[in-house]
Amino acid sequence: MSSSPPALLPHEALDTRLRQAAKRLHLGAFDLLEIIREAIDTKVHEHFGFQDANDYLLDRTGLTARTIYRQLAILDGLRALPPGDLEEAKGVLAELGSHRAAILAPALEKEPVDWREWAALARQGTEEALQEAVSSVLGLKPRGKAGAPGERFLAHVLNQIPPERREQTEWVFRQMAGLGDPANPMSMIGVFLQLIVFGEQELAAQGIYREGKV
């Protein structure tokens, strides 16, 4: 007769319940994301007097655009997988949690991809190791190398924006970084600050100034 598994200690039982509840929460979020993606694609916000989908979604869900698009990146990564793997992959990514899943998601859109190997790396390694591996697949410089602060900044930006805007965004950053003195190219953070300057100039052209600036 086989022996029964040992009873869990109270803290172990609570930890198990916590992880199971978190997985159910993340699985439910996938259903919400499918609806959000449809709402964005069909521009449903226009029927309710909203000029911007982000304002509509914040009003209806309480979620900011930053949160929504990070989660949608996970959904887009899942959609790139074979249909027969979708439900299993949802369960695995739900166990990883939204942060690690969001780091992993861009790599799932690359072909060919073994999503189970990526999930194992996400589960067993550090977030830093996962981000470095994903950045490598996306063609970004590995984190921790020369120029790392700017590359980390760009990788973070690319990971937060909608997938369809990543190629354009990276192209603009890298083209601007290469302008000027070839021996002293602009850093990615320098590019961002220059884009802020351009934005302020555009606002000034429309008669909008910072306090104290005329």
N, C-alpha and C. Protein backbone atom coordinates (compact mmCIF):
# COMPACT_ATOMS: atom_id res chain seq x y z
N MET A 1 0.85 -1.19 0.00
CA MET A 1 0.00 0.00 0.00
C MET A 1 0.89 1.24 0.00
N SER A 2 0.63 2.15 -0.93
CA SER A 2 1.44 3.37 -1.01
C SER A 2 1.08 4.31 0.13
N SER A 3 2.08 4.98 0.63
CA SER A 3 1.85 5.92 1.73
C SER A 3 1.28 7.22 1.21
N SER A 4 0.49 7.89 2.02
CA SER A 4 -0.09 9.18 1.65
C SER A 4 0.99 10.24 1.68
N PRO A 5 0.88 11.24 0.81
CA PRO A 5 1.87 12.33 0.85
C PRO A 5 1.80 13.06 2.18
N PRO A 6 2.93 13.55 2.65
CA PRO A 6 2.93 14.24 3.95
C PRO A 6 2.05 15.48 3.90
N ALA A 7 1.39 15.73 5.01
CA ALA A 7 0.52 16.91 5.09
C ALA A 7 1.37 18.17 5.01
N LEU A 8 0.82 19.17 4.34
CA LEU A 8 1.52 20.44 4.23
C LEU A 8 1.47 21.20 5.55
N LEU A 9 2.56 21.87 5.85
CA LEU A 9 2.56 22.75 7.00
C LEU A 9 1.67 23.95 6.69
N PRO A 10 1.15 24.64 7.71
CA PRO A 10 0.23 25.77 7.45
C PRO A 10 0.76 26.79 6.47
N HIS A 11 2.04 27.17 6.59
CA HIS A 11 2.58 28.18 5.69
C HIS A 11 2.71 27.63 4.27
N GLU A 12 2.98 26.33 4.13
CA GLU A 12 3.06 25.72 2.81
C GLU A 12 1.68 25.65 2.16
N ALA A 13 0.66 25.32 2.95
CA ALA A 13 -0.70 25.26 2.43
C ALA A 13 -1.17 26.65 1.98
N LEU A 14 -0.83 27.67 2.76
CA LEU A 14 -1.22 29.03 2.40
C LEU A 14 -0.50 29.46 1.12
N ASP A 15 0.77 29.10 1.01
CA ASP A 15 1.53 29.44 -0.20
C ASP A 15 0.92 28.76 -1.43
N THR A 16 0.50 27.52 -1.29
CA THR A 16 -0.13 26.79 -2.40
C THR A 16 -1.43 27.46 -2.81
N ARG A 17 -2.26 27.83 -1.83
CA ARG A 17 -3.52 28.51 -2.13
C ARG A 17 -3.26 29.84 -2.83
N LEU A 18 -2.24 30.55 -2.36
CA LEU A 18 -1.90 31.85 -2.96
C LEU A 18 -1.52 31.69 -4.42
N ARG A 19 -0.65 30.72 -4.72
CA ARG A 19 -0.20 30.53 -6.10
C ARG A 19 -1.35 30.05 -6.99
N GLN A 20 -2.22 29.21 -6.47
CA GLN A 20 -3.36 28.74 -7.25
C GLN A 20 -4.33 29.88 -7.55
N ALA A 21 -4.57 30.74 -6.56
CA ALA A 21 -5.46 31.88 -6.77
C ALA A 21 -4.86 32.86 -7.78
N ALA A 22 -3.54 33.08 -7.69
CA ALA A 22 -2.88 33.97 -8.64
C ALA A 22 -2.98 33.43 -10.05
N LYS A 23 -2.82 32.12 -10.22
CA LYS A 23 -2.94 31.51 -11.55
C LYS A 23 -4.34 31.71 -12.11
N ARG A 24 -5.36 31.51 -11.26
CA ARG A 24 -6.74 31.72 -11.73
C ARG A 24 -6.95 33.17 -12.15
N LEU A 25 -6.36 34.10 -11.40
CA LEU A 25 -6.48 35.52 -11.73
C LEU A 25 -5.87 35.81 -13.10
N HIS A 26 -4.66 35.30 -13.33
CA HIS A 26 -3.98 35.57 -14.60
C HIS A 26 -4.69 34.88 -15.77
N LEU A 27 -5.22 33.70 -15.55
CA LEU A 27 -5.98 33.03 -16.61
C LEU A 27 -7.23 33.84 -16.96
N GLY A 28 -7.90 34.37 -15.95
CA GLY A 28 -9.06 35.22 -16.22
C GLY A 28 -8.69 36.48 -16.96
N ALA A 29 -7.46 36.98 -16.71
CA ALA A 29 -7.01 38.19 -17.40
C ALA A 29 -6.90 37.96 -18.90
N PHE A 30 -6.57 36.74 -19.33
CA PHE A 30 -6.48 36.46 -20.76
C PHE A 30 -7.83 36.67 -21.44
N ASP A 31 -8.91 36.29 -20.78
CA ASP A 31 -10.25 36.52 -21.34
C ASP A 31 -10.51 38.01 -21.49
N LEU A 32 -10.14 38.79 -20.47
CA LEU A 32 -10.31 40.24 -20.54
C LEU A 32 -9.48 40.83 -21.67
N LEU A 33 -8.26 40.34 -21.85
CA LEU A 33 -7.39 40.87 -22.89
C LEU A 33 -7.94 40.61 -24.28
N GLU A 34 -8.55 39.47 -24.48
CA GLU A 34 -9.17 39.18 -25.78
C GLU A 34 -10.25 40.21 -26.09
N ILE A 35 -11.04 40.57 -25.09
CA ILE A 35 -12.10 41.55 -25.27
C ILE A 35 -11.50 42.94 -25.50
N ILE A 36 -10.44 43.28 -24.75
CA ILE A 36 -9.78 44.57 -24.92
C ILE A 36 -9.21 44.70 -26.32
N ARG A 37 -8.55 43.64 -26.80
CA ARG A 37 -7.98 43.68 -28.15
C ARG A 37 -9.08 43.91 -29.19
N GLU A 38 -10.22 43.23 -29.03
CA GLU A 38 -11.34 43.42 -29.96
C GLU A 38 -11.88 44.85 -29.88
N ALA A 39 -11.97 45.38 -28.66
CA ALA A 39 -12.47 46.75 -28.48
C ALA A 39 -11.55 47.76 -29.15
N ILE A 40 -10.23 47.54 -29.06
CA ILE A 40 -9.28 48.45 -29.70
C ILE A 40 -9.36 48.33 -31.21
N ASP A 41 -9.39 47.08 -31.71
CA ASP A 41 -9.39 46.85 -33.16
C ASP A 41 -10.65 47.39 -33.83
N THR A 42 -11.77 47.32 -33.14
CA THR A 42 -13.04 47.79 -33.73
C THR A 42 -13.37 49.23 -33.37
N LYS A 43 -12.46 49.90 -32.62
CA LYS A 43 -12.63 51.30 -32.23
C LYS A 43 -13.98 51.55 -31.55
N VAL A 44 -14.32 50.66 -30.63
CA VAL A 44 -15.61 50.77 -29.95
C VAL A 44 -15.71 52.07 -29.16
N HIS A 45 -14.56 52.64 -28.76
CA HIS A 45 -14.60 53.87 -27.96
C HIS A 45 -15.28 55.01 -28.70
N GLU A 46 -15.21 55.00 -30.03
CA GLU A 46 -15.79 56.09 -30.81
C GLU A 46 -17.31 56.13 -30.68
N HIS A 47 -17.93 55.00 -30.36
CA HIS A 47 -19.38 54.95 -30.22
C HIS A 47 -19.85 55.53 -28.89
N PHE A 48 -18.90 55.80 -27.98
CA PHE A 48 -19.27 56.29 -26.66
C PHE A 48 -18.67 57.67 -26.37
N GLY A 49 -18.26 58.35 -27.43
CA GLY A 49 -17.81 59.73 -27.28
C GLY A 49 -16.39 59.90 -26.80
N PHE A 50 -15.59 58.83 -26.80
CA PHE A 50 -14.20 58.93 -26.38
C PHE A 50 -13.33 59.17 -27.61
N GLN A 51 -12.42 60.15 -27.52
CA GLN A 51 -11.51 60.43 -28.61
C GLN A 51 -10.37 59.44 -28.68
N ASP A 52 -10.09 58.79 -27.56
CA ASP A 52 -8.92 57.92 -27.46
C ASP A 52 -9.32 56.60 -26.81
N ALA A 53 -8.82 55.49 -27.36
CA ALA A 53 -9.14 54.18 -26.81
C ALA A 53 -8.60 54.03 -25.39
N ASN A 54 -7.44 54.65 -25.11
CA ASN A 54 -6.86 54.53 -23.78
C ASN A 54 -7.76 55.14 -22.71
N ASP A 55 -8.37 56.30 -23.02
CA ASP A 55 -9.28 56.93 -22.06
C ASP A 55 -10.52 56.06 -21.84
N TYR A 56 -11.01 55.48 -22.92
CA TYR A 56 -12.18 54.59 -22.82
C TYR A 56 -11.86 53.38 -21.94
N LEU A 57 -10.72 52.76 -22.18
CA LEU A 57 -10.37 51.56 -21.42
C LEU A 57 -10.10 51.87 -19.96
N LEU A 58 -9.50 53.04 -19.68
CA LEU A 58 -9.28 53.44 -18.29
C LEU A 58 -10.61 53.63 -17.60
N ASP A 59 -11.58 54.24 -18.29
CA ASP A 59 -12.91 54.46 -17.72
C ASP A 59 -13.64 53.15 -17.47
N ARG A 60 -13.51 52.21 -18.39
CA ARG A 60 -14.28 50.96 -18.31
C ARG A 60 -13.62 49.89 -17.43
N THR A 61 -12.28 49.88 -17.41
CA THR A 61 -11.58 48.81 -16.71
C THR A 61 -10.77 49.27 -15.50
N GLY A 62 -10.47 50.59 -15.45
CA GLY A 62 -9.61 51.08 -14.39
C GLY A 62 -8.14 50.80 -14.63
N LEU A 63 -7.81 50.28 -15.82
CA LEU A 63 -6.43 49.93 -16.15
C LEU A 63 -5.81 51.03 -17.01
N THR A 64 -4.56 51.38 -16.71
CA THR A 64 -3.87 52.40 -17.49
C THR A 64 -3.39 51.80 -18.82
N ALA A 65 -3.09 52.68 -19.77
CA ALA A 65 -2.60 52.22 -21.07
C ALA A 65 -1.32 51.41 -20.91
N ARG A 66 -0.43 51.83 -20.01
CA ARG A 66 0.83 51.12 -19.80
C ARG A 66 0.57 49.68 -19.37
N THR A 67 -0.36 49.50 -18.44
CA THR A 67 -0.69 48.15 -17.98
C THR A 67 -1.33 47.33 -19.09
N ILE A 68 -2.26 47.94 -19.80
CA ILE A 68 -2.98 47.23 -20.85
C ILE A 68 -2.05 46.76 -21.95
N TYR A 69 -1.18 47.64 -22.45
CA TYR A 69 -0.34 47.26 -23.57
C TYR A 69 0.75 46.28 -23.17
N ARG A 70 1.18 46.33 -21.92
CA ARG A 70 2.11 45.30 -21.46
C ARG A 70 1.43 43.94 -21.46
N GLN A 71 0.18 43.91 -21.02
CA GLN A 71 -0.55 42.65 -21.00
C GLN A 71 -0.90 42.19 -22.42
N LEU A 72 -1.23 43.13 -23.30
CA LEU A 72 -1.55 42.76 -24.68
C LEU A 72 -0.33 42.16 -25.38
N ALA A 73 0.87 42.57 -24.99
CA ALA A 73 2.07 41.97 -25.55
C ALA A 73 2.12 40.48 -25.23
N ILE A 74 1.65 40.12 -24.04
CA ILE A 74 1.59 38.70 -23.67
C ILE A 74 0.60 37.97 -24.57
N LEU A 75 -0.56 38.58 -24.79
CA LEU A 75 -1.57 37.98 -25.65
C LEU A 75 -1.05 37.81 -27.07
N ASP A 76 -0.34 38.82 -27.59
CA ASP A 76 0.20 38.73 -28.94
C ASP A 76 1.25 37.62 -29.03
N GLY A 77 2.04 37.46 -27.97
CA GLY A 77 3.00 36.36 -27.96
C GLY A 77 2.32 35.01 -27.99
N LEU A 78 1.25 34.87 -27.24
CA LEU A 78 0.49 33.62 -27.24
C LEU A 78 -0.11 33.33 -28.60
N ARG A 79 -0.60 34.35 -29.27
CA ARG A 79 -1.25 34.16 -30.57
C ARG A 79 -0.27 33.69 -31.63
N ALA A 80 1.03 33.90 -31.39
CA ALA A 80 2.04 33.46 -32.36
C ALA A 80 2.34 31.97 -32.24
N LEU A 81 1.85 31.33 -31.18
CA LEU A 81 2.12 29.91 -30.95
C LEU A 81 1.15 29.04 -31.74
N PRO A 82 1.50 27.76 -31.96
CA PRO A 82 0.57 26.83 -32.62
C PRO A 82 -0.74 26.77 -31.84
N PRO A 83 -1.88 26.80 -32.53
CA PRO A 83 -3.18 26.80 -31.84
C PRO A 83 -3.34 25.65 -30.84
N GLY A 84 -2.76 24.51 -31.16
CA GLY A 84 -2.89 23.37 -30.26
C GLY A 84 -2.15 23.54 -28.94
N ASP A 85 -1.22 24.48 -28.89
CA ASP A 85 -0.44 24.72 -27.67
C ASP A 85 -1.01 25.84 -26.82
N LEU A 86 -2.03 26.52 -27.34
CA LEU A 86 -2.47 27.78 -26.73
C LEU A 86 -2.92 27.61 -25.28
N GLU A 87 -3.78 26.66 -25.01
CA GLU A 87 -4.31 26.52 -23.66
C GLU A 87 -3.23 26.12 -22.67
N GLU A 88 -2.34 25.21 -23.09
CA GLU A 88 -1.24 24.82 -22.21
C GLU A 88 -0.34 26.02 -21.93
N ALA A 89 -0.03 26.78 -22.99
CA ALA A 89 0.84 27.94 -22.83
C ALA A 89 0.21 28.99 -21.92
N LYS A 90 -1.10 29.19 -22.04
CA LYS A 90 -1.78 30.13 -21.15
C LYS A 90 -1.57 29.74 -19.69
N GLY A 91 -1.73 28.46 -19.41
CA GLY A 91 -1.56 28.00 -18.04
C GLY A 91 -0.15 28.22 -17.53
N VAL A 92 0.83 27.95 -18.39
CA VAL A 92 2.23 28.12 -17.99
C VAL A 92 2.55 29.59 -17.76
N LEU A 93 2.12 30.47 -18.67
CA LEU A 93 2.40 31.89 -18.50
C LEU A 93 1.65 32.47 -17.30
N ALA A 94 0.47 31.94 -17.03
CA ALA A 94 -0.27 32.39 -15.85
C ALA A 94 0.49 32.05 -14.58
N GLU A 95 1.17 30.90 -14.56
CA GLU A 95 1.96 30.53 -13.39
C GLU A 95 3.20 31.40 -13.25
N LEU A 96 3.73 31.87 -14.39
CA LEU A 96 4.92 32.73 -14.34
C LEU A 96 4.61 34.08 -13.72
N GLY A 97 3.38 34.56 -13.90
CA GLY A 97 3.02 35.89 -13.45
C GLY A 97 3.19 36.90 -14.57
N SER A 98 2.50 38.02 -14.46
CA SER A 98 2.44 38.97 -15.56
C SER A 98 3.79 39.61 -15.87
N HIS A 99 4.65 39.82 -14.86
CA HIS A 99 5.91 40.52 -15.11
C HIS A 99 6.85 39.68 -15.95
N ARG A 100 7.10 38.44 -15.54
CA ARG A 100 7.98 37.56 -16.32
C ARG A 100 7.36 37.23 -17.67
N ALA A 101 6.05 37.03 -17.69
CA ALA A 101 5.38 36.73 -18.96
C ALA A 101 5.53 37.89 -19.94
N ALA A 102 5.47 39.13 -19.44
CA ALA A 102 5.62 40.30 -20.32
C ALA A 102 7.04 40.40 -20.86
N ILE A 103 8.04 40.04 -20.06
CA ILE A 103 9.41 40.02 -20.54
C ILE A 103 9.58 38.97 -21.62
N LEU A 104 8.98 37.82 -21.41
CA LEU A 104 9.11 36.67 -22.31
C LEU A 104 8.36 36.86 -23.63
N ALA A 105 7.22 37.53 -23.58
CA ALA A 105 6.28 37.56 -24.71
C ALA A 105 6.89 37.94 -26.06
N PRO A 106 7.75 38.99 -26.16
CA PRO A 106 8.28 39.34 -27.48
C PRO A 106 9.05 38.22 -28.15
N ALA A 107 9.71 37.36 -27.35
CA ALA A 107 10.47 36.24 -27.92
C ALA A 107 9.55 35.20 -28.54
N LEU A 108 8.32 35.08 -28.04
CA LEU A 108 7.39 34.08 -28.56
C LEU A 108 6.95 34.40 -29.99
N GLU A 109 7.10 35.66 -30.40
CA GLU A 109 6.70 36.05 -31.74
C GLU A 109 7.77 35.78 -32.78
N LYS A 110 8.96 35.35 -32.33
CA LYS A 110 10.03 35.01 -33.26
C LYS A 110 9.88 33.57 -33.73
N GLU A 111 10.14 33.33 -34.99
CA GLU A 111 10.07 31.99 -35.55
C GLU A 111 11.45 31.51 -35.97
N PRO A 112 11.77 30.20 -35.79
CA PRO A 112 10.99 29.24 -35.01
C PRO A 112 11.25 29.46 -33.52
N VAL A 113 10.34 29.00 -32.69
CA VAL A 113 10.48 29.21 -31.26
C VAL A 113 9.96 27.99 -30.51
N ASP A 114 10.70 27.57 -29.50
CA ASP A 114 10.24 26.51 -28.61
C ASP A 114 9.80 27.19 -27.32
N TRP A 115 8.52 27.45 -27.23
CA TRP A 115 8.04 28.24 -26.11
C TRP A 115 8.24 27.54 -24.78
N ARG A 116 8.30 26.20 -24.79
CA ARG A 116 8.49 25.48 -23.53
C ARG A 116 9.90 25.72 -22.97
N GLU A 117 10.89 25.81 -23.87
CA GLU A 117 12.24 26.13 -23.41
C GLU A 117 12.30 27.54 -22.83
N TRP A 118 11.63 28.48 -23.50
CA TRP A 118 11.58 29.85 -22.98
C TRP A 118 10.89 29.88 -21.62
N ALA A 119 9.80 29.13 -21.48
CA ALA A 119 9.08 29.10 -20.20
C ALA A 119 9.94 28.52 -19.10
N ALA A 120 10.75 27.50 -19.44
CA ALA A 120 11.65 26.90 -18.44
C ALA A 120 12.70 27.92 -17.99
N LEU A 121 13.23 28.69 -18.94
CA LEU A 121 14.19 29.74 -18.58
C LEU A 121 13.53 30.78 -17.69
N ALA A 122 12.30 31.17 -18.05
CA ALA A 122 11.59 32.19 -17.26
C ALA A 122 11.30 31.68 -15.85
N ARG A 123 11.05 30.39 -15.73
CA ARG A 123 10.69 29.82 -14.43
C ARG A 123 11.91 29.62 -13.54
N GLN A 124 13.01 29.20 -14.14
CA GLN A 124 14.16 28.78 -13.35
C GLN A 124 15.21 29.88 -13.17
N GLY A 125 15.33 30.77 -14.16
CA GLY A 125 16.37 31.78 -14.09
C GLY A 125 15.88 33.06 -13.45
N THR A 126 16.80 34.02 -13.38
CA THR A 126 16.44 35.34 -12.85
C THR A 126 15.75 36.15 -13.94
N GLU A 127 15.09 37.22 -13.53
CA GLU A 127 14.47 38.11 -14.52
C GLU A 127 15.54 38.77 -15.38
N GLU A 128 16.70 39.04 -14.79
CA GLU A 128 17.78 39.66 -15.56
C GLU A 128 18.27 38.73 -16.66
N ALA A 129 18.41 37.44 -16.35
CA ALA A 129 18.84 36.47 -17.36
C ALA A 129 17.80 36.32 -18.45
N LEU A 130 16.53 36.33 -18.06
CA LEU A 130 15.46 36.22 -19.05
C LEU A 130 15.45 37.43 -19.96
N GLN A 131 15.57 38.63 -19.39
CA GLN A 131 15.57 39.84 -20.20
C GLN A 131 16.76 39.87 -21.17
N GLU A 132 17.92 39.41 -20.69
CA GLU A 132 19.10 39.39 -21.55
C GLU A 132 18.90 38.43 -22.72
N ALA A 133 18.31 37.26 -22.45
CA ALA A 133 18.06 36.28 -23.52
C ALA A 133 17.06 36.82 -24.54
N VAL A 134 16.01 37.46 -24.05
CA VAL A 134 15.00 38.03 -24.95
C VAL A 134 15.60 39.16 -25.78
N SER A 135 16.38 40.02 -25.13
CA SER A 135 17.02 41.12 -25.85
C SER A 135 17.92 40.60 -26.96
N SER A 136 18.61 39.49 -26.69
CA SER A 136 19.48 38.89 -27.70
C SER A 136 18.68 38.42 -28.91
N VAL A 137 17.53 37.78 -28.67
CA VAL A 137 16.68 37.30 -29.75
C VAL A 137 16.13 38.46 -30.56
N LEU A 138 15.83 39.57 -29.88
CA LEU A 138 15.28 40.74 -30.56
C LEU A 138 16.34 41.56 -31.29
N GLY A 139 17.62 41.14 -31.16
CA GLY A 139 18.68 41.85 -31.85
C GLY A 139 19.21 43.03 -31.09
N LEU A 140 18.89 43.12 -29.80
CA LEU A 140 19.42 44.20 -28.97
C LEU A 140 20.72 43.75 -28.33
N LYS A 141 21.57 44.73 -27.94
CA LYS A 141 22.80 44.39 -27.26
C LYS A 141 22.48 43.76 -25.91
N PRO A 142 23.22 42.71 -25.51
CA PRO A 142 22.97 42.10 -24.20
C PRO A 142 23.13 43.10 -23.09
N ARG A 143 22.31 42.96 -22.07
CA ARG A 143 22.42 43.83 -20.91
C ARG A 143 23.72 43.52 -20.18
N GLY A 144 24.30 44.56 -19.58
CA GLY A 144 25.54 44.36 -18.85
C GLY A 144 26.77 44.62 -19.69
N LYS A 145 26.59 44.89 -21.01
CA LYS A 145 27.72 45.18 -21.88
C LYS A 145 27.93 46.69 -21.97
N ALA A 146 28.87 47.09 -22.81
CA ALA A 146 29.12 48.53 -22.98
C ALA A 146 27.86 49.21 -23.48
N GLY A 147 27.61 50.37 -22.93
CA GLY A 147 26.41 51.10 -23.33
C GLY A 147 25.14 50.53 -22.72
N ALA A 148 25.28 49.69 -21.71
CA ALA A 148 24.13 48.98 -21.16
C ALA A 148 23.01 49.88 -20.65
N PRO A 149 23.30 51.00 -19.94
CA PRO A 149 22.17 51.80 -19.45
C PRO A 149 21.21 52.22 -20.56
N GLY A 150 21.76 52.71 -21.69
CA GLY A 150 20.91 53.12 -22.79
C GLY A 150 20.21 51.94 -23.44
N GLU A 151 20.93 50.82 -23.58
CA GLU A 151 20.32 49.64 -24.20
C GLU A 151 19.21 49.08 -23.30
N ARG A 152 19.44 49.11 -21.99
CA ARG A 152 18.39 48.66 -21.07
C ARG A 152 17.17 49.56 -21.19
N PHE A 153 17.43 50.86 -21.31
CA PHE A 153 16.32 51.80 -21.45
C PHE A 153 15.52 51.51 -22.72
N LEU A 154 16.22 51.32 -23.85
CA LEU A 154 15.53 51.03 -25.11
C LEU A 154 14.78 49.71 -25.02
N ALA A 155 15.41 48.69 -24.44
CA ALA A 155 14.74 47.40 -24.31
C ALA A 155 13.47 47.54 -23.47
N HIS A 156 13.55 48.35 -22.42
CA HIS A 156 12.37 48.57 -21.58
C HIS A 156 11.27 49.26 -22.38
N VAL A 157 11.64 50.28 -23.16
CA VAL A 157 10.66 51.00 -23.97
C VAL A 157 9.99 50.04 -24.95
N LEU A 158 10.79 49.25 -25.65
CA LEU A 158 10.24 48.33 -26.65
C LEU A 158 9.33 47.29 -26.01
N ASN A 159 9.62 46.92 -24.77
CA ASN A 159 8.82 45.90 -24.10
C ASN A 159 7.48 46.45 -23.62
N GLN A 160 7.36 47.78 -23.53
CA GLN A 160 6.14 48.38 -22.98
C GLN A 160 5.15 48.83 -24.06
N ILE A 161 5.62 49.02 -25.28
CA ILE A 161 4.74 49.58 -26.31
C ILE A 161 4.09 48.48 -27.13
N PRO A 162 3.03 48.80 -27.87
CA PRO A 162 2.37 47.78 -28.71
C PRO A 162 3.36 47.16 -29.69
N PRO A 163 3.27 45.85 -29.93
CA PRO A 163 4.23 45.17 -30.80
C PRO A 163 4.36 45.80 -32.18
N GLU A 164 3.24 46.30 -32.72
CA GLU A 164 3.28 46.86 -34.07
C GLU A 164 4.06 48.17 -34.14
N ARG A 165 4.41 48.77 -32.99
CA ARG A 165 5.17 50.03 -32.99
C ARG A 165 6.65 49.81 -32.65
N ARG A 166 7.05 48.58 -32.34
CA ARG A 166 8.42 48.35 -31.88
C ARG A 166 9.45 48.60 -32.97
N GLU A 167 9.22 48.08 -34.17
CA GLU A 167 10.20 48.24 -35.24
C GLU A 167 10.42 49.72 -35.56
N GLN A 168 9.32 50.47 -35.66
CA GLN A 168 9.43 51.90 -35.94
C GLN A 168 10.19 52.62 -34.83
N THR A 169 9.85 52.31 -33.58
CA THR A 169 10.47 52.98 -32.44
C THR A 169 11.96 52.70 -32.39
N GLU A 170 12.35 51.43 -32.53
CA GLU A 170 13.77 51.10 -32.47
C GLU A 170 14.53 51.75 -33.63
N TRP A 171 13.91 51.78 -34.82
CA TRP A 171 14.56 52.41 -35.98
C TRP A 171 14.84 53.88 -35.71
N VAL A 172 13.85 54.60 -35.17
CA VAL A 172 14.03 56.03 -34.88
C VAL A 172 15.14 56.22 -33.85
N PHE A 173 15.12 55.44 -32.78
CA PHE A 173 16.14 55.58 -31.74
C PHE A 173 17.53 55.35 -32.32
N ARG A 174 17.69 54.28 -33.08
CA ARG A 174 19.03 53.94 -33.56
C ARG A 174 19.50 54.90 -34.66
N GLN A 175 18.58 55.38 -35.50
CA GLN A 175 18.97 56.36 -36.51
C GLN A 175 19.39 57.67 -35.85
N MET A 176 18.65 58.11 -34.86
CA MET A 176 19.00 59.35 -34.17
C MET A 176 20.30 59.21 -33.39
N ALA A 177 20.53 58.02 -32.83
CA ALA A 177 21.77 57.79 -32.07
C ALA A 177 22.98 57.87 -32.98
N GLY A 178 22.81 57.58 -34.28
CA GLY A 178 23.93 57.60 -35.21
C GLY A 178 24.18 58.95 -35.85
N LEU A 179 23.33 59.94 -35.58
CA LEU A 179 23.52 61.26 -36.17
C LEU A 179 24.64 62.02 -35.44
N GLY A 180 25.24 62.97 -36.13
CA GLY A 180 26.25 63.80 -35.49
C GLY A 180 27.63 63.18 -35.55
N ASP A 181 28.38 63.30 -34.47
CA ASP A 181 29.78 62.87 -34.42
C ASP A 181 29.86 61.35 -34.36
N PRO A 182 30.40 60.67 -35.39
CA PRO A 182 30.49 59.21 -35.37
C PRO A 182 31.34 58.69 -34.22
N ALA A 183 32.31 59.48 -33.77
CA ALA A 183 33.17 59.04 -32.68
C ALA A 183 32.49 59.15 -31.33
N ASN A 184 31.39 59.89 -31.27
CA ASN A 184 30.69 60.08 -30.00
C ASN A 184 29.18 60.03 -30.24
N PRO A 185 28.66 58.85 -30.61
CA PRO A 185 27.24 58.75 -30.92
C PRO A 185 26.37 59.03 -29.69
N MET A 186 25.19 59.51 -29.96
CA MET A 186 24.26 59.83 -28.88
C MET A 186 23.78 58.54 -28.20
N SER A 187 23.67 58.55 -26.88
CA SER A 187 23.15 57.40 -26.16
C SER A 187 21.64 57.31 -26.37
N MET A 188 21.08 56.15 -26.05
CA MET A 188 19.63 55.97 -26.19
C MET A 188 18.87 56.91 -25.27
N ILE A 189 19.41 57.15 -24.09
CA ILE A 189 18.76 58.10 -23.17
C ILE A 189 18.88 59.50 -23.74
N GLY A 190 20.03 59.81 -24.38
CA GLY A 190 20.18 61.10 -25.04
C GLY A 190 19.18 61.29 -26.16
N VAL A 191 18.90 60.20 -26.91
CA VAL A 191 17.88 60.25 -27.97
C VAL A 191 16.53 60.59 -27.37
N PHE A 192 16.19 59.93 -26.26
CA PHE A 192 14.91 60.18 -25.60
C PHE A 192 14.80 61.65 -25.19
N LEU A 193 15.87 62.19 -24.62
CA LEU A 193 15.83 63.59 -24.19
C LEU A 193 15.70 64.52 -25.39
N GLN A 194 16.33 64.16 -26.52
CA GLN A 194 16.19 64.99 -27.72
C GLN A 194 14.76 64.94 -28.24
N LEU A 195 14.11 63.78 -28.13
CA LEU A 195 12.71 63.67 -28.53
C LEU A 195 11.83 64.55 -27.65
N ILE A 196 12.18 64.67 -26.37
CA ILE A 196 11.45 65.57 -25.47
C ILE A 196 11.61 67.02 -25.95
N VAL A 197 12.83 67.38 -26.37
CA VAL A 197 13.06 68.73 -26.90
C VAL A 197 12.18 68.97 -28.12
N PHE A 198 12.15 67.99 -29.04
CA PHE A 198 11.31 68.14 -30.22
C PHE A 198 9.84 68.30 -29.83
N GLY A 199 9.40 67.54 -28.84
CA GLY A 199 8.02 67.65 -28.39
C GLY A 199 7.71 69.01 -27.82
N GLU A 200 8.65 69.55 -27.03
CA GLU A 200 8.45 70.88 -26.46
C GLU A 200 8.40 71.94 -27.56
N GLN A 201 9.25 71.77 -28.57
CA GLN A 201 9.23 72.72 -29.69
C GLN A 201 7.91 72.66 -30.44
N GLU A 202 7.37 71.48 -30.61
CA GLU A 202 6.08 71.34 -31.29
C GLU A 202 4.96 71.99 -30.48
N LEU A 203 5.00 71.80 -29.16
CA LEU A 203 4.00 72.44 -28.29
C LEU A 203 4.13 73.96 -28.36
N ALA A 204 5.36 74.45 -28.38
CA ALA A 204 5.58 75.90 -28.45
C ALA A 204 5.02 76.46 -29.76
N ALA A 205 5.15 75.68 -30.85
CA ALA A 205 4.61 76.12 -32.13
C ALA A 205 3.09 76.26 -32.08
N GLN A 206 2.48 75.54 -31.13
CA GLN A 206 1.03 75.61 -30.96
C GLN A 206 0.64 76.59 -29.85
N GLY A 207 1.63 77.33 -29.33
CA GLY A 207 1.34 78.32 -28.30
C GLY A 207 1.25 77.75 -26.90
N ILE A 208 1.81 76.56 -26.68
CA ILE A 208 1.76 75.91 -25.37
C ILE A 208 3.18 75.92 -24.79
N TYR A 209 3.34 76.57 -23.62
CA TYR A 209 4.67 76.73 -23.04
C TYR A 209 4.69 76.21 -21.62
N ARG A 210 5.90 75.77 -21.20
CA ARG A 210 6.10 75.44 -19.80
C ARG A 210 6.06 76.71 -18.97
N GLU A 211 5.73 76.56 -17.71
CA GLU A 211 5.69 77.72 -16.81
C GLU A 211 7.06 78.37 -16.77
N GLY A 212 7.11 79.65 -17.02
CA GLY A 212 8.37 80.37 -17.01
C GLY A 212 9.09 80.38 -18.32
N LYS A 213 8.56 79.63 -19.32
CA LYS A 213 9.17 79.59 -20.65
C LYS A 213 8.23 80.23 -21.64
N VAL A 214 8.70 81.25 -22.34
CA VAL A 214 7.89 81.96 -23.34
C VAL A 214 8.70 82.06 -24.62
